[in-house]
Amino acid sequence: MSDSKETQESAALVTNRPVDIAVALIFLSLSAIVIFDSNRLGVGWRDGEGPAPGYFPFYIAVAMAGASLVNLVRAIRTSGDDATESFVSKQSFGRVLQVLIPTIVYVGLIKYVGIYVASALFIMCFMVVLGREGILRTVGVGVGVPLALFFMFERWFLVPLPKGPLEVLLGFN
């Protein structure tokens, strides 16, 4: 592979600094929400009862807010190599998306086709696309694993999982 192509594939999609700032702001916002709601519940100590319902969440959120402020200031003041260090490269992010997008589709399919059919499709797609497995092995594992999970959850543990029209048609309800 040429140096320019390697550089493109390993080029930073985003650096650490903006991610550190975003995460610090998210945690600071969550801390503010918990502090606000804890005040609504009460943060004091009640005579004869002990701490009010918001007492512990309040102080934990104050500590989290303090840590978030420290991280935010540190991220803003970062300079040099630390500020430009890669958080994720384009190639690495592409690999994450290769797993994330099918997983989101899988979760969305459960409502419409049931967990067992969605699981079979999910497993088979991964085996073919990412694993480059043969069709016999793919179908065997893709059907076998959801079938084993059906018997384990539905029959042995008696835990019903979402079923779709195919499972109902086959009498797996």
C-alpha atoms as a PDB file:
ATOM      1  CA  MET A   1       0.000   0.000   0.000  1.00  0.00           C
ATOM      2  CA  SER A   2       1.334   3.450  -0.774  1.00  0.00           C
ATOM      3  CA  ASP A   3       2.147   5.962   1.957  1.00  0.00           C
ATOM      4  CA  SER A   4      -0.544   8.395   0.805  1.00  0.00           C
ATOM      5  CA  LYS A   5      -3.251   5.711   0.896  1.00  0.00           C
ATOM      6  CA  GLU A   6      -2.101   4.560   4.362  1.00  0.00           C
ATOM      7  CA  THR A   7      -2.168   8.161   5.553  1.00  0.00           C
ATOM      8  CA  GLN A   8      -5.705   8.623   4.192  1.00  0.00           C
ATOM      9  CA  GLU A   9      -6.972   5.448   5.862  1.00  0.00           C
ATOM     10  CA  SER A  10      -5.360   6.285   9.194  1.00  0.00           C
ATOM     11  CA  ALA A  11      -6.198   9.990   9.001  1.00  0.00           C
ATOM     12  CA  ALA A  12      -8.015  11.260  12.032  1.00  0.00           C
ATOM     13  CA  LEU A  13     -11.741  11.562  11.581  1.00  0.00           C
ATOM     14  CA  VAL A  14     -11.847  13.474  14.858  1.00  0.00           C
ATOM     15  CA  THR A  15      -9.163  14.375  17.382  1.00  0.00           C
ATOM     16  CA  ASN A  16      -9.248  13.898  21.158  1.00  0.00           C
ATOM     17  CA  ARG A  17      -9.809  17.553  22.038  1.00  0.00           C
ATOM     18  CA  PRO A  18     -13.355  18.037  20.635  1.00  0.00           C
ATOM     19  CA  VAL A  19     -14.404  14.637  21.972  1.00  0.00           C
ATOM     20  CA  ASP A  20     -13.058  15.477  25.443  1.00  0.00           C
ATOM     21  CA  ILE A  21     -14.897  18.806  25.360  1.00  0.00           C
ATOM     22  CA  ALA A  22     -18.166  17.197  24.178  1.00  0.00           C
ATOM     23  CA  VAL A  23     -18.033  14.439  26.810  1.00  0.00           C
ATOM     24  CA  ALA A  24     -17.263  16.952  29.578  1.00  0.00           C
ATOM     25  CA  LEU A  25     -20.220  19.102  28.471  1.00  0.00           C
ATOM     26  CA  ILE A  26     -22.539  16.077  28.344  1.00  0.00           C
ATOM     27  CA  PHE A  27     -21.560  15.004  31.858  1.00  0.00           C
ATOM     28  CA  LEU A  28     -21.839  18.585  33.094  1.00  0.00           C
ATOM     29  CA  SER A  29     -25.375  18.764  31.642  1.00  0.00           C
ATOM     30  CA  LEU A  30     -26.356  15.462  33.229  1.00  0.00           C
ATOM     31  CA  SER A  31     -24.951  16.669  36.544  1.00  0.00           C
ATOM     32  CA  ALA A  32     -27.026  19.861  36.295  1.00  0.00           C
ATOM     33  CA  ILE A  33     -30.188  17.827  35.672  1.00  0.00           C
ATOM     34  CA  VAL A  34     -29.522  15.588  38.690  1.00  0.00           C
ATOM     35  CA  ILE A  35     -28.650  18.581  40.906  1.00  0.00           C
ATOM     36  CA  PHE A  36     -31.849  20.365  39.846  1.00  0.00           C
ATOM     37  CA  ASP A  37     -34.045  17.320  40.476  1.00  0.00           C
ATOM     38  CA  SER A  38     -32.301  16.480  43.746  1.00  0.00           C
ATOM     39  CA  ASN A  39     -33.130  19.970  45.007  1.00  0.00           C
ATOM     40  CA  ARG A  40     -36.762  19.305  44.137  1.00  0.00           C
ATOM     41  CA  LEU A  41     -36.661  16.112  46.223  1.00  0.00           C
ATOM     42  CA  GLY A  42     -34.716  17.674  49.060  1.00  0.00           C
ATOM     43  CA  VAL A  43     -31.009  17.490  49.756  1.00  0.00           C
ATOM     44  CA  GLY A  44     -30.950  18.041  53.489  1.00  0.00           C
ATOM     45  CA  TRP A  45     -30.850  15.815  56.513  1.00  0.00           C
ATOM     46  CA  ARG A  46     -34.211  15.226  58.199  1.00  0.00           C
ATOM     47  CA  ASP A  47     -34.357  14.877  61.976  1.00  0.00           C
ATOM     48  CA  GLY A  48     -35.328  11.365  62.975  1.00  0.00           C
ATOM     49  CA  GLU A  49     -35.456  10.224  59.335  1.00  0.00           C
ATOM     50  CA  GLY A  50     -31.998  10.649  57.910  1.00  0.00           C
ATOM     51  CA  PRO A  51     -31.135  11.908  54.456  1.00  0.00           C
ATOM     52  CA  ALA A  52     -33.806  13.296  52.145  1.00  0.00           C
ATOM     53  CA  PRO A  53     -34.349  11.414  48.859  1.00  0.00           C
ATOM     54  CA  GLY A  54     -32.152  13.797  46.889  1.00  0.00           C
ATOM     55  CA  TYR A  55     -29.263  13.884  49.387  1.00  0.00           C
ATOM     56  CA  PHE A  56     -26.929  11.270  47.889  1.00  0.00           C
ATOM     57  CA  PRO A  57     -27.740  11.960  44.216  1.00  0.00           C
ATOM     58  CA  PHE A  58     -27.105  15.663  44.844  1.00  0.00           C
ATOM     59  CA  TYR A  59     -23.623  15.183  46.253  1.00  0.00           C
ATOM     60  CA  ILE A  60     -22.677  12.591  43.664  1.00  0.00           C
ATOM     61  CA  ALA A  61     -23.818  14.995  40.916  1.00  0.00           C
ATOM     62  CA  VAL A  62     -21.844  17.849  42.507  1.00  0.00           C
ATOM     63  CA  ALA A  63     -18.714  15.650  42.464  1.00  0.00           C
ATOM     64  CA  MET A  64     -19.436  14.619  38.867  1.00  0.00           C
ATOM     65  CA  ALA A  65     -19.939  18.268  37.874  1.00  0.00           C
ATOM     66  CA  GLY A  66     -16.632  19.202  39.514  1.00  0.00           C
ATOM     67  CA  ALA A  67     -14.786  16.439  37.678  1.00  0.00           C
ATOM     68  CA  SER A  68     -16.477  17.455  34.426  1.00  0.00           C
ATOM     69  CA  LEU A  69     -15.409  21.075  34.892  1.00  0.00           C
ATOM     70  CA  VAL A  70     -11.818  19.982  35.513  1.00  0.00           C
ATOM     71  CA  ASN A  71     -11.908  17.837  32.351  1.00  0.00           C
ATOM     72  CA  LEU A  72     -13.506  20.649  30.356  1.00  0.00           C
ATOM     73  CA  VAL A  73     -10.862  23.189  31.394  1.00  0.00           C
ATOM     74  CA  ARG A  74      -8.089  20.676  30.757  1.00  0.00           C
ATOM     75  CA  ALA A  75      -9.483  19.874  27.285  1.00  0.00           C
ATOM     76  CA  ILE A  76      -9.836  23.556  26.374  1.00  0.00           C
ATOM     77  CA  ARG A  77      -6.305  24.359  27.551  1.00  0.00           C
ATOM     78  CA  THR A  78      -4.749  21.354  25.781  1.00  0.00           C
ATOM     79  CA  SER A  79      -2.314  22.266  23.065  1.00  0.00           C
ATOM     80  CA  GLY A  80       0.372  20.666  20.923  1.00  0.00           C
ATOM     81  CA  ASP A  81       0.404  16.932  20.238  1.00  0.00           C
ATOM     82  CA  ASP A  82      -2.216  16.182  22.887  1.00  0.00           C
ATOM     83  CA  ALA A  83      -4.772  18.399  21.114  1.00  0.00           C
ATOM     84  CA  THR A  84      -4.208  16.850  17.693  1.00  0.00           C
ATOM     85  CA  GLU A  85      -3.973  13.203  18.741  1.00  0.00           C
ATOM     86  CA  SER A  86      -6.446  11.061  16.814  1.00  0.00           C
ATOM     87  CA  PHE A  87      -9.521   9.845  18.674  1.00  0.00           C
ATOM     88  CA  VAL A  88     -10.654   7.666  15.792  1.00  0.00           C
ATOM     89  CA  SER A  89      -9.433   7.193  12.246  1.00  0.00           C
ATOM     90  CA  LYS A  90     -11.680   6.995   9.201  1.00  0.00           C
ATOM     91  CA  GLN A  91     -10.844   3.312   8.771  1.00  0.00           C
ATOM     92  CA  SER A  92     -11.572   2.461  12.407  1.00  0.00           C
ATOM     93  CA  PHE A  93     -14.833   4.412  12.366  1.00  0.00           C
ATOM     94  CA  GLY A  94     -15.841   2.539   9.209  1.00  0.00           C
ATOM     95  CA  ARG A  95     -15.318  -0.745  11.045  1.00  0.00           C
ATOM     96  CA  VAL A  96     -17.450   0.471  13.930  1.00  0.00           C
ATOM     97  CA  LEU A  97     -20.221   1.402  11.485  1.00  0.00           C
ATOM     98  CA  GLN A  98     -19.990  -2.066   9.877  1.00  0.00           C
ATOM     99  CA  VAL A  99     -21.200  -3.456  13.189  1.00  0.00           C
ATOM    100  CA  LEU A 100     -23.326  -0.563  14.476  1.00  0.00           C
ATOM    101  CA  ILE A 101     -25.610  -0.119  11.453  1.00  0.00           C
ATOM    102  CA  PRO A 102     -26.587  -3.814  11.140  1.00  0.00           C
ATOM    103  CA  THR A 103     -27.144  -3.925  14.904  1.00  0.00           C
ATOM    104  CA  ILE A 104     -29.540  -0.968  14.718  1.00  0.00           C
ATOM    105  CA  VAL A 105     -31.378  -2.648  11.823  1.00  0.00           C
ATOM    106  CA  TYR A 106     -31.515  -5.899  13.846  1.00  0.00           C
ATOM    107  CA  VAL A 107     -33.074  -4.176  16.854  1.00  0.00           C
ATOM    108  CA  GLY A 108     -35.575  -2.408  14.588  1.00  0.00           C
ATOM    109  CA  LEU A 109     -36.556  -5.679  12.902  1.00  0.00           C
ATOM    110  CA  ILE A 110     -37.406  -7.428  16.180  1.00  0.00           C
ATOM    111  CA  LYS A 111     -40.696  -5.526  16.442  1.00  0.00           C
ATOM    112  CA  TYR A 112     -41.826  -6.655  12.985  1.00  0.00           C
ATOM    113  CA  VAL A 113     -40.394 -10.153  12.473  1.00  0.00           C
ATOM    114  CA  GLY A 114     -39.705 -11.305  16.042  1.00  0.00           C
ATOM    115  CA  ILE A 115     -36.428 -11.824  17.826  1.00  0.00           C
ATOM    116  CA  TYR A 116     -35.719 -15.288  16.416  1.00  0.00           C
ATOM    117  CA  VAL A 117     -36.090 -14.416  12.722  1.00  0.00           C
ATOM    118  CA  ALA A 118     -34.238 -11.132  13.248  1.00  0.00           C
ATOM    119  CA  SER A 119     -31.440 -13.017  15.033  1.00  0.00           C
ATOM    120  CA  ALA A 120     -31.184 -15.568  12.238  1.00  0.00           C
ATOM    121  CA  LEU A 121     -30.926 -12.816   9.620  1.00  0.00           C
ATOM    122  CA  PHE A 122     -28.414 -10.887  11.734  1.00  0.00           C
ATOM    123  CA  ILE A 123     -26.166 -13.899  12.273  1.00  0.00           C
ATOM    124  CA  MET A 124     -26.334 -14.994   8.636  1.00  0.00           C
ATOM    125  CA  CYS A 125     -25.577 -11.497   7.307  1.00  0.00           C
ATOM    126  CA  PHE A 126     -22.557 -11.182   9.564  1.00  0.00           C
ATOM    127  CA  MET A 127     -21.291 -14.623   8.624  1.00  0.00           C
ATOM    128  CA  VAL A 128     -21.582 -13.934   4.892  1.00  0.00           C
ATOM    129  CA  VAL A 129     -20.476 -10.303   4.748  1.00  0.00           C
ATOM    130  CA  LEU A 130     -17.834 -10.052   7.475  1.00  0.00           C
ATOM    131  CA  GLY A 131     -16.912 -13.686   8.016  1.00  0.00           C
ATOM    132  CA  ARG A 132     -17.049 -14.722   4.365  1.00  0.00           C
ATOM    133  CA  GLU A 133     -18.416 -18.128   5.413  1.00  0.00           C
ATOM    134  CA  GLY A 134     -19.967 -20.699   3.109  1.00  0.00           C
ATOM    135  CA  ILE A 135     -23.723 -20.958   2.670  1.00  0.00           C
ATOM    136  CA  LEU A 136     -24.149 -24.313   4.462  1.00  0.00           C
ATOM    137  CA  ARG A 137     -22.329 -23.193   7.593  1.00  0.00           C
ATOM    138  CA  THR A 138     -24.111 -19.835   7.495  1.00  0.00           C
ATOM    139  CA  VAL A 139     -27.589 -21.368   7.287  1.00  0.00           C
ATOM    140  CA  GLY A 140     -26.729 -23.997   9.904  1.00  0.00           C
ATOM    141  CA  VAL A 141     -25.507 -21.491  12.472  1.00  0.00           C
ATOM    142  CA  GLY A 142     -28.061 -18.833  11.475  1.00  0.00           C
ATOM    143  CA  VAL A 143     -30.960 -21.219  12.068  1.00  0.00           C
ATOM    144  CA  GLY A 144     -29.391 -23.323  14.829  1.00  0.00           C
ATOM    145  CA  VAL A 145     -28.497 -20.533  17.250  1.00  0.00           C
ATOM    146  CA  PRO A 146     -31.954 -18.866  17.306  1.00  0.00           C
ATOM    147  CA  LEU A 147     -33.585 -22.306  17.558  1.00  0.00           C
ATOM    148  CA  ALA A 148     -31.369 -23.192  20.538  1.00  0.00           C
ATOM    149  CA  LEU A 149     -32.159 -19.822  22.129  1.00  0.00           C
ATOM    150  CA  PHE A 150     -35.874 -20.425  21.576  1.00  0.00           C
ATOM    151  CA  PHE A 151     -35.772 -23.710  23.466  1.00  0.00           C
ATOM    152  CA  MET A 152     -33.571 -22.290  26.198  1.00  0.00           C
ATOM    153  CA  PHE A 153     -35.648 -19.171  26.865  1.00  0.00           C
ATOM    154  CA  GLU A 154     -39.174 -20.201  25.890  1.00  0.00           C
ATOM    155  CA  ARG A 155     -39.242 -23.836  27.003  1.00  0.00           C
ATOM    156  CA  TRP A 156     -36.661 -24.240  29.767  1.00  0.00           C
ATOM    157  CA  PHE A 157     -36.645 -20.810  31.453  1.00  0.00           C
ATOM    158  CA  LEU A 158     -40.262 -20.009  30.465  1.00  0.00           C
ATOM    159  CA  VAL A 159     -39.294 -16.475  29.416  1.00  0.00           C
ATOM    160  CA  PRO A 160     -41.344 -15.346  26.430  1.00  0.00           C
ATOM    161  CA  LEU A 161     -39.468 -13.203  23.913  1.00  0.00           C
ATOM    162  CA  PRO A 162     -40.977 -11.110  21.092  1.00  0.00           C
ATOM    163  CA  LYS A 163     -42.265 -13.265  18.257  1.00  0.00           C
ATOM    164  CA  GLY A 164     -43.156 -12.294  14.735  1.00  0.00           C
ATOM    165  CA  PRO A 165     -45.590 -13.717  12.200  1.00  0.00           C
ATOM    166  CA  LEU A 166     -43.288 -16.579  11.139  1.00  0.00           C
ATOM    167  CA  GLU A 167     -42.879 -17.909  14.686  1.00  0.00           C
ATOM    168  CA  VAL A 168     -46.646 -17.711  15.220  1.00  0.00           C
ATOM    169  CA  LEU A 169     -47.248 -19.474  11.880  1.00  0.00           C
ATOM    170  CA  LEU A 170     -44.839 -22.273  12.899  1.00  0.00           C
ATOM    171  CA  GLY A 171     -46.553 -22.623  16.282  1.00  0.00           C
ATOM    172  CA  PHE A 172     -43.694 -21.224  18.375  1.00  0.00           C
ATOM    173  CA  ASN A 173     -45.957 -19.196  20.608  1.00  0.00           C
END
